[in-house]
Amino acid sequence: MKIIVNKIDLSVPDQLKSLSLLNYLRDVLGLMGTKYGCGQGLCGACTVHLDGQAVRSCQTLLEEIDGQAVTTIEGLSVNGLHPLQKAWIRNAVPQCGYCQSGQLMSASALLRKNNQPSKAEIREAMSGNLCRCGTYPKIEAAINEVVRGKE
């Protein structure tokens, strides 16, 4: 089976097909930006893009995604400074930072689908990502900054 991770074509050996995408990314490929949170798809720390859609990598088996493209936080931008990442920095969003890669991946999937979301649409799109530090107002401010086009 084959998948594309951050624009790199990969062949997945048959013995690894039953792994979760999260375990493959972290344990096999060494891409540590995608975090293990709850392991049940509830917290959003493991969010990646699968063919452009935000998915929980802890609940996605490799055998289910043959031929699909995966983007992790490491692949969100070439230089690590996607407009959302810049806004995250300007707004001092992260505290502990653990959930932030998942937050960024959910936010970027939202803006790819809807580049002018309302406050309610932002809250709805981000509602599946939990932050124990409570940085929700800063996350929303950073997303709104990108929506308004501030760079």
C-alpha atoms as a PDB file:
ATOM      1  CA  MET A   1       0.000   0.000   0.000  1.00  0.00           C
ATOM      2  CA  LYS A   2       1.073   3.571  -0.609  1.00  0.00           C
ATOM      3  CA  ILE A   3       0.373   6.873   1.084  1.00  0.00           C
ATOM      4  CA  ILE A   4       1.720  10.365   0.654  1.00  0.00           C
ATOM      5  CA  VAL A   5       2.982  12.104   3.791  1.00  0.00           C
ATOM      6  CA  ASN A   6       3.872  15.778   3.523  1.00  0.00           C
ATOM      7  CA  LYS A   7       4.170  15.405  -0.273  1.00  0.00           C
ATOM      8  CA  ILE A   8       6.505  12.382  -0.046  1.00  0.00           C
ATOM      9  CA  ASP A   9       5.339   9.100  -1.603  1.00  0.00           C
ATOM     10  CA  LEU A  10       5.750   6.210   0.823  1.00  0.00           C
ATOM     11  CA  SER A  11       5.237   2.463   0.604  1.00  0.00           C
ATOM     12  CA  VAL A  12       3.824   0.960   3.774  1.00  0.00           C
ATOM     13  CA  PRO A  13       4.891  -2.637   4.426  1.00  0.00           C
ATOM     14  CA  ASP A  14       1.990  -5.061   4.896  1.00  0.00           C
ATOM     15  CA  GLN A  15       2.967  -5.766   8.494  1.00  0.00           C
ATOM     16  CA  LEU A  16       2.348  -2.091   9.376  1.00  0.00           C
ATOM     17  CA  LYS A  17      -1.089  -1.689   7.749  1.00  0.00           C
ATOM     18  CA  SER A  18      -2.905  -2.298  11.044  1.00  0.00           C
ATOM     19  CA  LEU A  19      -1.102   0.588  12.787  1.00  0.00           C
ATOM     20  CA  SER A  20      -2.933   3.805  13.506  1.00  0.00           C
ATOM     21  CA  LEU A  21      -1.830   6.719  11.379  1.00  0.00           C
ATOM     22  CA  LEU A  22      -0.668   8.432  14.584  1.00  0.00           C
ATOM     23  CA  ASN A  23       1.629   5.561  15.530  1.00  0.00           C
ATOM     24  CA  TYR A  24       3.008   5.355  12.004  1.00  0.00           C
ATOM     25  CA  LEU A  25       3.744   9.085  11.896  1.00  0.00           C
ATOM     26  CA  ARG A  26       5.423   9.185  15.291  1.00  0.00           C
ATOM     27  CA  ASP A  27       7.000   5.753  15.731  1.00  0.00           C
ATOM     28  CA  VAL A  28       7.960   4.880  12.162  1.00  0.00           C
ATOM     29  CA  LEU A  29       8.489   8.237  10.450  1.00  0.00           C
ATOM     30  CA  GLY A  30       9.659  10.172  13.505  1.00  0.00           C
ATOM     31  CA  LEU A  31       7.220  13.042  12.903  1.00  0.00           C
ATOM     32  CA  MET A  32       6.688  14.083  16.504  1.00  0.00           C
ATOM     33  CA  GLY A  33       4.554  17.194  15.923  1.00  0.00           C
ATOM     34  CA  THR A  34       1.351  15.169  15.883  1.00  0.00           C
ATOM     35  CA  LYS A  35       0.581  14.397  19.520  1.00  0.00           C
ATOM     36  CA  TYR A  36      -1.016  11.463  21.303  1.00  0.00           C
ATOM     37  CA  GLY A  37      -3.715  12.872  23.553  1.00  0.00           C
ATOM     38  CA  CYS A  38      -6.620  10.681  24.531  1.00  0.00           C
ATOM     39  CA  GLY A  39      -6.301   7.868  21.973  1.00  0.00           C
ATOM     40  CA  GLN A  40     -10.061   7.964  21.421  1.00  0.00           C
ATOM     41  CA  GLY A  41     -10.431  10.790  18.906  1.00  0.00           C
ATOM     42  CA  LEU A  42     -11.933  13.145  21.481  1.00  0.00           C
ATOM     43  CA  CYS A  43      -9.249  15.740  22.227  1.00  0.00           C
ATOM     44  CA  GLY A  44      -7.911  16.699  18.778  1.00  0.00           C
ATOM     45  CA  ALA A  45      -4.201  16.655  19.701  1.00  0.00           C
ATOM     46  CA  CYS A  46      -3.573  14.108  16.922  1.00  0.00           C
ATOM     47  CA  THR A  47      -5.337  16.070  14.160  1.00  0.00           C
ATOM     48  CA  VAL A  48      -3.784  15.881  10.694  1.00  0.00           C
ATOM     49  CA  HIS A  49      -5.147  16.472   7.208  1.00  0.00           C
ATOM     50  CA  LEU A  50      -6.215  13.527   5.101  1.00  0.00           C
ATOM     51  CA  ASP A  51      -6.743  14.701   1.537  1.00  0.00           C
ATOM     52  CA  GLY A  52      -7.258  18.190   2.986  1.00  0.00           C
ATOM     53  CA  GLN A  53      -9.790  17.224   5.652  1.00  0.00           C
ATOM     54  CA  ALA A  54      -9.045  17.363   9.381  1.00  0.00           C
ATOM     55  CA  VAL A  55      -9.049  13.840  10.860  1.00  0.00           C
ATOM     56  CA  ARG A  56      -8.022  12.218  14.125  1.00  0.00           C
ATOM     57  CA  SER A  57      -4.921  10.202  13.327  1.00  0.00           C
ATOM     58  CA  CYS A  58      -5.302   8.058  16.463  1.00  0.00           C
ATOM     59  CA  GLN A  59      -8.551   6.670  15.052  1.00  0.00           C
ATOM     60  CA  THR A  60      -7.391   6.280  11.441  1.00  0.00           C
ATOM     61  CA  LEU A  61      -5.836   2.981  10.443  1.00  0.00           C
ATOM     62  CA  LEU A  62      -3.229   2.921   7.701  1.00  0.00           C
ATOM     63  CA  GLU A  63      -5.138   0.204   5.843  1.00  0.00           C
ATOM     64  CA  GLU A  64      -8.053   2.656   5.464  1.00  0.00           C
ATOM     65  CA  ILE A  65      -6.057   5.362   3.699  1.00  0.00           C
ATOM     66  CA  ASP A  66      -4.302   3.612   0.824  1.00  0.00           C
ATOM     67  CA  GLY A  67      -3.385   6.156  -1.851  1.00  0.00           C
ATOM     68  CA  GLN A  68      -4.372   9.181   0.201  1.00  0.00           C
ATOM     69  CA  ALA A  69      -2.356  12.271   1.119  1.00  0.00           C
ATOM     70  CA  VAL A  70      -1.553  13.089   4.734  1.00  0.00           C
ATOM     71  CA  THR A  71      -0.347  16.479   5.908  1.00  0.00           C
ATOM     72  CA  THR A  72       1.063  16.874   9.393  1.00  0.00           C
ATOM     73  CA  ILE A  73       2.056  20.028  11.235  1.00  0.00           C
ATOM     74  CA  GLU A  74       5.569  19.533   9.840  1.00  0.00           C
ATOM     75  CA  GLY A  75       4.131  19.720   6.310  1.00  0.00           C
ATOM     76  CA  LEU A  76       1.735  22.617   6.866  1.00  0.00           C
ATOM     77  CA  SER A  77       4.253  25.038   5.376  1.00  0.00           C
ATOM     78  CA  VAL A  78       7.686  24.752   3.850  1.00  0.00           C
ATOM     79  CA  ASN A  79       9.341  27.092   6.357  1.00  0.00           C
ATOM     80  CA  GLY A  80       7.091  26.457   9.357  1.00  0.00           C
ATOM     81  CA  LEU A  81       5.500  29.861   9.069  1.00  0.00           C
ATOM     82  CA  HIS A  82       2.022  29.299   7.709  1.00  0.00           C
ATOM     83  CA  PRO A  83      -0.105  32.452   8.212  1.00  0.00           C
ATOM     84  CA  LEU A  84      -1.821  30.718  11.128  1.00  0.00           C
ATOM     85  CA  GLN A  85       1.514  29.851  12.722  1.00  0.00           C
ATOM     86  CA  LYS A  86       2.559  33.511  12.435  1.00  0.00           C
ATOM     87  CA  ALA A  87      -0.733  34.592  14.014  1.00  0.00           C
ATOM     88  CA  TRP A  88      -0.264  32.013  16.784  1.00  0.00           C
ATOM     89  CA  ILE A  89       3.117  33.582  17.569  1.00  0.00           C
ATOM     90  CA  ARG A  90       1.853  37.177  17.413  1.00  0.00           C
ATOM     91  CA  ASN A  91      -1.047  36.318  19.731  1.00  0.00           C
ATOM     92  CA  ALA A  92       1.104  34.262  22.134  1.00  0.00           C
ATOM     93  CA  VAL A  93      -1.386  31.410  21.839  1.00  0.00           C
ATOM     94  CA  PRO A  94       0.520  28.431  23.261  1.00  0.00           C
ATOM     95  CA  GLN A  95       1.065  27.926  26.933  1.00  0.00           C
ATOM     96  CA  CYS A  96       2.128  24.328  27.386  1.00  0.00           C
ATOM     97  CA  GLY A  97       1.804  23.887  23.613  1.00  0.00           C
ATOM     98  CA  TYR A  98       0.763  20.240  23.677  1.00  0.00           C
ATOM     99  CA  CYS A  99      -2.511  20.680  21.788  1.00  0.00           C
ATOM    100  CA  GLN A 100      -1.318  23.387  19.430  1.00  0.00           C
ATOM    101  CA  SER A 101      -0.371  21.293  16.405  1.00  0.00           C
ATOM    102  CA  GLY A 102      -3.855  19.767  16.417  1.00  0.00           C
ATOM    103  CA  GLN A 103      -5.399  23.203  16.911  1.00  0.00           C
ATOM    104  CA  LEU A 104      -3.432  24.576  13.947  1.00  0.00           C
ATOM    105  CA  MET A 105      -4.363  21.651  11.722  1.00  0.00           C
ATOM    106  CA  SER A 106      -8.070  22.067  12.522  1.00  0.00           C
ATOM    107  CA  ALA A 107      -7.887  25.830  11.966  1.00  0.00           C
ATOM    108  CA  SER A 108      -6.066  25.462   8.642  1.00  0.00           C
ATOM    109  CA  ALA A 109      -8.605  22.877   7.433  1.00  0.00           C
ATOM    110  CA  LEU A 110     -11.389  25.316   8.338  1.00  0.00           C
ATOM    111  CA  LEU A 111      -9.776  28.194   6.452  1.00  0.00           C
ATOM    112  CA  ARG A 112      -9.109  26.011   3.419  1.00  0.00           C
ATOM    113  CA  LYS A 113     -12.828  25.204   3.302  1.00  0.00           C
ATOM    114  CA  ASN A 114     -14.113  28.651   4.332  1.00  0.00           C
ATOM    115  CA  ASN A 115     -11.756  31.628   4.203  1.00  0.00           C
ATOM    116  CA  GLN A 116     -14.282  33.986   5.823  1.00  0.00           C
ATOM    117  CA  PRO A 117     -15.810  31.988   8.674  1.00  0.00           C
ATOM    118  CA  SER A 118     -18.046  33.673  11.199  1.00  0.00           C
ATOM    119  CA  LYS A 119     -17.262  33.632  14.904  1.00  0.00           C
ATOM    120  CA  ALA A 120     -19.809  30.811  15.313  1.00  0.00           C
ATOM    121  CA  GLU A 121     -18.255  28.811  12.458  1.00  0.00           C
ATOM    122  CA  ILE A 122     -14.796  29.182  13.998  1.00  0.00           C
ATOM    123  CA  ARG A 123     -16.056  28.025  17.370  1.00  0.00           C
ATOM    124  CA  GLU A 124     -17.867  25.085  15.808  1.00  0.00           C
ATOM    125  CA  ALA A 125     -14.829  24.015  13.752  1.00  0.00           C
ATOM    126  CA  MET A 126     -12.529  24.266  16.765  1.00  0.00           C
ATOM    127  CA  SER A 127     -14.921  22.722  19.289  1.00  0.00           C
ATOM    128  CA  GLY A 128     -13.394  19.267  18.910  1.00  0.00           C
ATOM    129  CA  ASN A 129      -9.938  20.436  19.978  1.00  0.00           C
ATOM    130  CA  LEU A 130      -9.391  20.585  23.710  1.00  0.00           C
ATOM    131  CA  CYS A 131      -6.884  22.841  25.441  1.00  0.00           C
ATOM    132  CA  ARG A 132      -6.245  22.206  29.115  1.00  0.00           C
ATOM    133  CA  CYS A 133      -4.528  25.587  29.418  1.00  0.00           C
ATOM    134  CA  GLY A 134      -7.658  27.380  28.207  1.00  0.00           C
ATOM    135  CA  THR A 135      -6.119  29.361  25.347  1.00  0.00           C
ATOM    136  CA  TYR A 136      -9.411  29.384  23.429  1.00  0.00           C
ATOM    137  CA  PRO A 137      -9.764  33.210  23.282  1.00  0.00           C
ATOM    138  CA  LYS A 138      -6.229  33.532  21.897  1.00  0.00           C
ATOM    139  CA  ILE A 139      -6.835  30.738  19.374  1.00  0.00           C
ATOM    140  CA  GLU A 140      -9.969  32.490  18.173  1.00  0.00           C
ATOM    141  CA  ALA A 141      -8.144  35.839  18.003  1.00  0.00           C
ATOM    142  CA  ALA A 142      -5.328  34.304  15.921  1.00  0.00           C
ATOM    143  CA  ILE A 143      -7.773  32.714  13.488  1.00  0.00           C
ATOM    144  CA  ASN A 144      -9.702  35.991  13.199  1.00  0.00           C
ATOM    145  CA  GLU A 145      -6.458  37.818  12.493  1.00  0.00           C
ATOM    146  CA  VAL A 146      -5.762  35.531   9.533  1.00  0.00           C
ATOM    147  CA  VAL A 147      -9.366  35.888   8.328  1.00  0.00           C
ATOM    148  CA  ARG A 148      -8.968  39.691   8.389  1.00  0.00           C
ATOM    149  CA  GLY A 149      -5.755  39.355   6.377  1.00  0.00           C
ATOM    150  CA  LYS A 150      -3.383  40.844   8.935  1.00  0.00           C
ATOM    151  CA  GLU A 151       0.198  39.711   8.285  1.00  0.00           C
END
